[in-house]
Amino acid sequence: GGSGFGTPACLAVPILYSMGHPKLESVCCLLLFNGFSAVFGAVGTPMWFGIGQAVDADEDMQADIGLRAALAVTCNAVLLVPLVVNLLVPKADVIRNLVFIELVVACTMIPYVGVAFFSAEFPTLIGGVVSIFATGILIQFKVG
């Protein structure tokens, strides 16, 4: 979310709980997912004030660091998202829907990395927005 600092994770826990998922697993799942966007945080705040000031990075260096971080997060997401989903959903359901899960990861991470090539502020936001629409299309056409 645009507000960052874990707000989306905090808002989604009651939604998952109201859908019948256990409280602790909902919190754990969302906090783990929140870590994927923490590199860029609230519209680049960690890049500007954290990494940028710590190493006295100019915009080009921040973009390079951001791109490397986005690539690392993408590699981790391919492996970790199914495992984290398994906190809330039985393993058999995860395996049955693995193609869909990985397509959604791709719909999120491809724009995430693409935007990280030129911006340290918006990869999380743009990746998330593109993913919402792309996931809707996958669902509409029953892909995966």
Protein backbone atom coordinates (compact mmCIF):
# COMPACT_ATOMS: atom_id res chain seq x y z
CA GLY A 1 0.00 0.00 0.00
CA GLY A 2 0.93 3.61 -0.42
CA SER A 3 1.02 4.19 3.32
CA GLY A 4 3.60 1.45 3.88
CA PHE A 5 4.99 0.51 7.27
CA GLY A 6 2.95 -2.72 7.41
CA THR A 7 -0.46 -1.05 7.15
CA PRO A 8 -1.76 -3.35 4.37
CA ALA A 9 -0.80 -6.43 6.39
CA CYS A 10 -2.56 -5.06 9.47
CA LEU A 11 -5.71 -4.32 7.50
CA ALA A 12 -5.84 -7.71 5.80
CA VAL A 13 -5.60 -9.86 8.94
CA PRO A 14 -9.22 -9.21 10.01
CA ILE A 15 -10.36 -9.96 6.47
CA LEU A 16 -8.61 -13.34 6.46
CA TYR A 17 -9.93 -14.09 9.93
CA SER A 18 -13.48 -13.22 8.88
CA MET A 19 -13.06 -15.67 5.98
CA GLY A 20 -12.42 -18.44 8.50
CA HIS A 21 -8.63 -18.58 8.61
CA PRO A 22 -6.93 -18.94 12.02
CA LYS A 23 -5.67 -15.71 13.63
CA LEU A 24 -2.02 -16.64 14.17
CA GLU A 25 -1.58 -18.12 10.70
CA SER A 26 -3.20 -15.05 9.14
CA VAL A 27 -0.82 -12.72 10.96
CA CYS A 28 2.24 -14.85 10.09
CA CYS A 29 1.24 -15.16 6.45
CA LEU A 30 0.68 -11.45 5.97
CA LEU A 31 3.81 -10.39 7.83
CA LEU A 32 5.87 -12.73 5.66
CA PHE A 33 4.23 -11.32 2.52
CA ASN A 34 4.81 -7.78 3.80
CA GLY A 35 8.53 -8.51 3.73
CA PHE A 36 8.46 -8.78 -0.06
CA SER A 37 7.59 -5.10 -0.39
CA ALA A 38 9.64 -3.82 2.54
CA VAL A 39 12.67 -3.02 0.38
CA PHE A 40 10.81 -0.17 -1.30
CA GLY A 41 8.33 0.43 1.53
CA ALA A 42 6.20 3.53 1.60
CA VAL A 43 6.96 4.83 -1.88
CA GLY A 44 10.73 4.42 -1.57
CA THR A 45 11.21 5.59 2.03
CA PRO A 46 13.66 2.78 2.95
CA MET A 47 15.65 3.49 -0.21
CA TRP A 48 15.89 7.25 0.39
CA PHE A 49 16.34 7.45 4.13
CA GLY A 50 17.65 4.00 4.96
CA ILE A 51 19.96 2.67 2.29
CA GLY A 52 20.47 6.01 0.54
CA GLN A 53 21.73 7.84 3.62
CA ALA A 54 23.63 4.86 5.03
CA VAL A 55 25.89 4.56 1.98
CA ASP A 56 25.51 8.15 0.72
CA ALA A 57 23.95 6.88 -2.51
CA ASP A 58 22.93 9.10 -5.38
CA GLU A 59 19.81 8.33 -7.45
CA ASP A 60 21.67 6.06 -9.89
CA MET A 61 23.21 4.03 -7.08
CA GLN A 62 19.81 3.76 -5.35
CA ALA A 63 18.27 2.53 -8.60
CA ASP A 64 21.04 -0.07 -8.95
CA ILE A 65 20.58 -1.23 -5.35
CA GLY A 66 16.82 -1.30 -5.86
CA LEU A 67 17.14 -3.40 -9.01
CA ARG A 68 19.40 -5.90 -7.28
CA ALA A 69 17.00 -6.07 -4.34
CA ALA A 70 14.02 -6.52 -6.68
CA LEU A 71 15.76 -9.41 -8.43
CA ALA A 72 16.57 -11.05 -5.09
CA VAL A 73 12.98 -10.61 -3.86
CA THR A 74 11.68 -12.08 -7.12
CA CYS A 75 13.84 -15.18 -6.80
CA ASN A 76 12.65 -15.62 -3.23
CA ALA A 77 9.00 -15.00 -4.11
CA VAL A 78 8.93 -17.85 -6.64
CA LEU A 79 9.93 -20.28 -3.90
CA LEU A 80 8.42 -18.71 -0.78
CA VAL A 81 4.93 -17.66 -1.89
CA PRO A 82 3.64 -21.25 -2.20
CA LEU A 83 5.18 -22.08 1.18
CA VAL A 84 3.60 -19.05 2.84
CA VAL A 85 0.21 -19.77 1.25
CA ASN A 86 0.53 -23.24 2.76
CA LEU A 87 0.18 -21.58 6.20
CA LEU A 88 -3.46 -20.85 5.37
CA VAL A 89 -4.39 -23.52 2.86
CA PRO A 90 -3.84 -27.29 2.89
CA LYS A 91 -0.80 -28.53 0.96
CA ALA A 92 -2.98 -30.44 -1.50
CA ASP A 93 -4.77 -27.20 -2.46
CA VAL A 94 -1.47 -25.39 -2.91
CA ILE A 95 -0.14 -28.15 -5.16
CA ARG A 96 -3.38 -28.26 -7.17
CA ASN A 97 -3.22 -24.47 -7.71
CA LEU A 98 0.55 -24.12 -8.06
CA VAL A 99 0.37 -22.96 -11.69
CA PHE A 100 -2.08 -20.21 -10.75
CA ILE A 101 0.01 -19.18 -7.73
CA GLU A 102 3.19 -18.92 -9.80
CA LEU A 103 1.38 -17.01 -12.56
CA VAL A 104 0.19 -14.49 -9.98
CA VAL A 105 3.76 -14.23 -8.66
CA ALA A 106 4.93 -13.57 -12.22
CA CYS A 107 2.18 -10.97 -12.74
CA THR A 108 3.45 -9.15 -9.66
CA MET A 109 7.19 -9.57 -9.97
CA ILE A 110 7.70 -8.88 -13.67
CA PRO A 111 6.40 -5.28 -13.39
CA TYR A 112 8.08 -5.00 -9.96
CA VAL A 113 11.49 -5.72 -11.50
CA GLY A 114 10.68 -3.71 -14.63
CA VAL A 115 9.91 -0.57 -12.64
CA ALA A 116 12.97 -1.14 -10.44
CA PHE A 117 15.14 -0.61 -13.55
CA PHE A 118 14.36 3.11 -13.45
CA SER A 119 12.74 3.91 -10.08
CA ALA A 120 13.40 3.20 -6.42
CA GLU A 121 10.02 4.60 -5.42
CA PHE A 122 7.28 2.74 -7.24
CA PRO A 123 8.11 -0.94 -7.88
CA THR A 124 5.85 -2.20 -5.09
CA LEU A 125 2.91 0.02 -6.00
CA ILE A 126 3.03 -0.56 -9.74
CA GLY A 127 3.73 -4.29 -9.35
CA GLY A 128 0.73 -4.56 -7.02
CA VAL A 129 -1.64 -2.61 -9.27
CA VAL A 130 -0.64 -4.55 -12.38
CA SER A 131 -1.00 -7.79 -10.43
CA ILE A 132 -4.55 -6.95 -9.32
CA PHE A 133 -5.70 -6.53 -12.91
CA ALA A 134 -3.67 -9.46 -14.25
CA THR A 135 -4.92 -11.77 -11.50
CA GLY A 136 -8.48 -10.71 -12.30
CA ILE A 137 -7.91 -11.67 -15.91
CA LEU A 138 -6.43 -15.04 -14.88
CA ILE A 139 -9.49 -15.69 -12.73
CA GLN A 140 -11.93 -14.52 -15.42
CA PHE A 141 -10.45 -16.92 -17.98
CA LYS A 142 -9.92 -19.71 -15.42
CA VAL A 143 -6.19 -19.93 -16.13
CA GLY A 144 -4.19 -22.19 -13.85
